[in-house]
Amino acid sequence: MISLCGLVAGLHFFPLGWSIHQNSYYILGIWTCLLAVMGYWLVISGRLTDHDANVLVAYGCAAGSASDGIGVVLRTRHLIRQ
């Protein structure tokens, strides 16, 4: 379930990046989708339990979103100072 939610969250960044012209959202969308697919694959292949894969996907998506948010703030502050 977490991987599915991560995939949906990742896919929404593509039209969002296109509509507001924010290229970092494409990278975030790719990152989130890759994590979601990897989490699903790890469970199906038996390499990780469902719980461990959910933790990996959830924290990976949170780290990607946090780093993108920091990048957006820094770029915005730079533009304001110019």
C-alpha atoms as a PDB file:
ATOM      1  CA  MET A   1       0.000   0.000   0.000  1.00  0.00           C
ATOM      2  CA  ILE A   2       2.818   2.433   0.834  1.00  0.00           C
ATOM      3  CA  SER A   3       4.519   1.731  -2.494  1.00  0.00           C
ATOM      4  CA  LEU A   4       1.287   2.430  -4.335  1.00  0.00           C
ATOM      5  CA  CYS A   5       0.829   5.731  -2.493  1.00  0.00           C
ATOM      6  CA  GLY A   6       4.470   6.597  -3.235  1.00  0.00           C
ATOM      7  CA  LEU A   7       3.941   5.870  -6.915  1.00  0.00           C
ATOM      8  CA  VAL A   8       0.849   8.081  -7.076  1.00  0.00           C
ATOM      9  CA  ALA A   9       2.692  10.836  -5.201  1.00  0.00           C
ATOM     10  CA  GLY A  10       5.657  10.546  -7.547  1.00  0.00           C
ATOM     11  CA  LEU A  11       3.525  10.640 -10.675  1.00  0.00           C
ATOM     12  CA  HIS A  12       1.810  13.850  -9.624  1.00  0.00           C
ATOM     13  CA  PHE A  13       5.118  15.739  -9.702  1.00  0.00           C
ATOM     14  CA  PHE A  14       5.390  15.456 -13.491  1.00  0.00           C
ATOM     15  CA  PRO A  15       2.346  17.586 -14.401  1.00  0.00           C
ATOM     16  CA  LEU A  16       3.069  19.825 -11.413  1.00  0.00           C
ATOM     17  CA  GLY A  17       6.609  20.490 -12.619  1.00  0.00           C
ATOM     18  CA  TRP A  18       5.301  21.196 -16.107  1.00  0.00           C
ATOM     19  CA  SER A  19       2.588  23.593 -14.926  1.00  0.00           C
ATOM     20  CA  ILE A  20       4.766  25.714 -12.635  1.00  0.00           C
ATOM     21  CA  HIS A  21       8.041  25.285 -14.567  1.00  0.00           C
ATOM     22  CA  GLN A  22       9.978  23.786 -11.665  1.00  0.00           C
ATOM     23  CA  ASN A  23      12.551  21.331 -13.064  1.00  0.00           C
ATOM     24  CA  SER A  24      13.441  19.894  -9.658  1.00  0.00           C
ATOM     25  CA  TYR A  25       9.943  18.375  -9.474  1.00  0.00           C
ATOM     26  CA  TYR A  26      10.801  16.101 -12.391  1.00  0.00           C
ATOM     27  CA  ILE A  27      13.791  14.772 -10.466  1.00  0.00           C
ATOM     28  CA  LEU A  28      11.673  14.360  -7.343  1.00  0.00           C
ATOM     29  CA  GLY A  29       9.021  12.522  -9.358  1.00  0.00           C
ATOM     30  CA  ILE A  30      11.585  10.142 -10.831  1.00  0.00           C
ATOM     31  CA  TRP A  31      13.132   9.536  -7.392  1.00  0.00           C
ATOM     32  CA  THR A  32       9.785   8.841  -5.748  1.00  0.00           C
ATOM     33  CA  CYS A  33       8.573   6.556  -8.537  1.00  0.00           C
ATOM     34  CA  LEU A  34      11.835   4.591  -8.496  1.00  0.00           C
ATOM     35  CA  LEU A  35      11.594   4.131  -4.736  1.00  0.00           C
ATOM     36  CA  ALA A  36       7.994   2.964  -5.012  1.00  0.00           C
ATOM     37  CA  VAL A  37       8.764   0.425  -7.742  1.00  0.00           C
ATOM     38  CA  MET A  38      11.868  -0.748  -5.880  1.00  0.00           C
ATOM     39  CA  GLY A  39       9.863  -1.185  -2.663  1.00  0.00           C
ATOM     40  CA  TYR A  40       7.225  -3.216  -4.468  1.00  0.00           C
ATOM     41  CA  TRP A  41       9.891  -5.338  -6.161  1.00  0.00           C
ATOM     42  CA  LEU A  42      11.712  -5.992  -2.881  1.00  0.00           C
ATOM     43  CA  VAL A  43       8.520  -7.335  -1.307  1.00  0.00           C
ATOM     44  CA  ILE A  44       7.499  -9.446  -4.308  1.00  0.00           C
ATOM     45  CA  SER A  45      10.984 -10.946  -4.650  1.00  0.00           C
ATOM     46  CA  GLY A  46      11.071 -11.805  -0.935  1.00  0.00           C
ATOM     47  CA  ARG A  47      14.209  -9.772  -0.241  1.00  0.00           C
ATOM     48  CA  LEU A  48      12.472  -7.594   2.364  1.00  0.00           C
ATOM     49  CA  THR A  49       9.397  -7.916   4.500  1.00  0.00           C
ATOM     50  CA  ASP A  50       6.449  -5.677   3.779  1.00  0.00           C
ATOM     51  CA  HIS A  51       7.199  -3.597   6.868  1.00  0.00           C
ATOM     52  CA  ASP A  52      10.851  -3.034   5.977  1.00  0.00           C
ATOM     53  CA  ALA A  53      10.041  -2.084   2.384  1.00  0.00           C
ATOM     54  CA  ASN A  54       7.406   0.368   3.618  1.00  0.00           C
ATOM     55  CA  VAL A  55       9.984   1.998   5.891  1.00  0.00           C
ATOM     56  CA  LEU A  56      12.460   2.261   3.028  1.00  0.00           C
ATOM     57  CA  VAL A  57       9.916   3.822   0.665  1.00  0.00           C
ATOM     58  CA  ALA A  58       8.442   6.187   3.246  1.00  0.00           C
ATOM     59  CA  TYR A  59      11.762   7.527   4.531  1.00  0.00           C
ATOM     60  CA  GLY A  60      13.223   7.695   1.027  1.00  0.00           C
ATOM     61  CA  CYS A  61      10.283   9.745  -0.232  1.00  0.00           C
ATOM     62  CA  ALA A  62      10.439  11.992   2.827  1.00  0.00           C
ATOM     63  CA  ALA A  63      14.171  12.573   2.325  1.00  0.00           C
ATOM     64  CA  GLY A  64      13.656  13.406  -1.340  1.00  0.00           C
ATOM     65  CA  SER A  65      10.833  15.817  -0.574  1.00  0.00           C
ATOM     66  CA  ALA A  66      12.783  17.492   2.215  1.00  0.00           C
ATOM     67  CA  SER A  67      15.873  17.957   0.069  1.00  0.00           C
ATOM     68  CA  ASP A  68      13.789  19.337  -2.810  1.00  0.00           C
ATOM     69  CA  GLY A  69      12.040  21.707  -0.414  1.00  0.00           C
ATOM     70  CA  ILE A  70      15.369  22.974   0.881  1.00  0.00           C
ATOM     71  CA  GLY A  71      16.529  23.477  -2.695  1.00  0.00           C
ATOM     72  CA  VAL A  72      13.391  25.449  -3.562  1.00  0.00           C
ATOM     73  CA  VAL A  73      13.857  27.673  -0.506  1.00  0.00           C
ATOM     74  CA  LEU A  74      17.508  28.323  -1.330  1.00  0.00           C
ATOM     75  CA  ARG A  75      16.767  29.125  -4.972  1.00  0.00           C
ATOM     76  CA  THR A  76      13.932  31.443  -3.944  1.00  0.00           C
ATOM     77  CA  ARG A  77      16.121  33.258  -1.430  1.00  0.00           C
ATOM     78  CA  HIS A  78      18.781  33.674  -4.110  1.00  0.00           C
ATOM     79  CA  LEU A  79      16.255  35.159  -6.547  1.00  0.00           C
ATOM     80  CA  ILE A  80      14.922  37.555  -3.915  1.00  0.00           C
ATOM     81  CA  ARG A  81      18.423  38.849  -3.155  1.00  0.00           C
ATOM     82  CA  GLN A  82      19.138  39.670  -6.805  1.00  0.00           C
END
